Amino acid sequence: MAGKRQYTETSHKPGRLYSTISMTLVLFLAGLFVVFVLNTDDLIKNFKENLELIVEIKTDVPRDEARNLLKKLEQGECVKLGSASFITREEGLSFLKNQLGHDVNVPIIENPLFDVIKFNIKAECIREDKMKALIAEIKANQQVNEVYFPIDLVSGISENIRRGSQLFLILSLIFGIIAVIIIHNTVKLALYANRFSIKTMEMVGASSATIKRPFLSTAVGIGLWSGLYASILLIGLLMFLAQKFPDFIAFNNTYRLLWIVGGLILAGIIISFIITWFVINRYIGRKIESLY
């Protein structure tokens, strides 16, 4: 008990503060990385399925035939359920006027636009070979004038997202190593300030477990609070992103987010406990002369 009181009285509060701040930043960035990695595929899928395939209908095709083609196309295995729609050339011209903010006049009185069918494609179908086959199949219909889909854009952005994920992984590993070294040195400095307390407890006959207990309890507390602070920062950032980008996937998956928060708290406790354990073992059993 005396050892505990002495440790409590001589605890280096700035050391605890620095340890908490360092670990909070490490855990926050780790959580951010996990969110990004776990949602890379979801982000790519969401991006792909928001792109529209547009089918231009020839001007001489009756509207009834065009709508029948719509019903035929929306039954395809690659069409996202509920995404298919038919837009007449008049509706297209009205939309164009609204977008430009003024009347659209052309030298020729005839409306230059086409009736179109548009729909979204399921993410698993958006591969170059499969999309080329699908577009060729649609073009084979006599009512179709042209088909548009930005397959090259999909391939490029998907690849860039994956490369960004790999780069983020490398940077996170480098930062993680640096951060662990910083945390280790911070804990080491905090315990250095209590080295004589440790030696005093040892000299009065306290066991190794008794000496370690107050330090490890403090370490668990630092890890717990660091994990909580990191979780608050992470949730705050995700809430901000959810407001700016309503389709942001990560924040919508509450179950996954709860697992990440629990993992951050547990990781904070384990990291703080292990580092403190190894550092304090360096002071137990040392001669008093070596402490100066």
Foldseek 3Di string as FASTA:
>chain_A
DVLLVVCVVLFDVVLLVQLLVLLLVLLLLVLVLVLLVVCLVVVLQVVQQVFKKKWFFDPPDDPVVVVVVQVVVCPDPFFDPPFKDKDALVNVLVVVCVVVVHHDDDPDNDRPGTIMIMTGTGSVQLDPVSVVVVLVVSVPDPRTDHMDGPSVVSVVVSVVSVVVSVVSVVVSVVVSVVSLVVSLVSLLVSVLSCLVSLVVCVVVPHDPCRSCVSVLVSLLVSLQVSLVSSLVVNLVVVVVVCVVPVVDPSNVCVVVSVVSSVVSSVVSSVSSNVSNVVSVVVSPPDDPVVSD
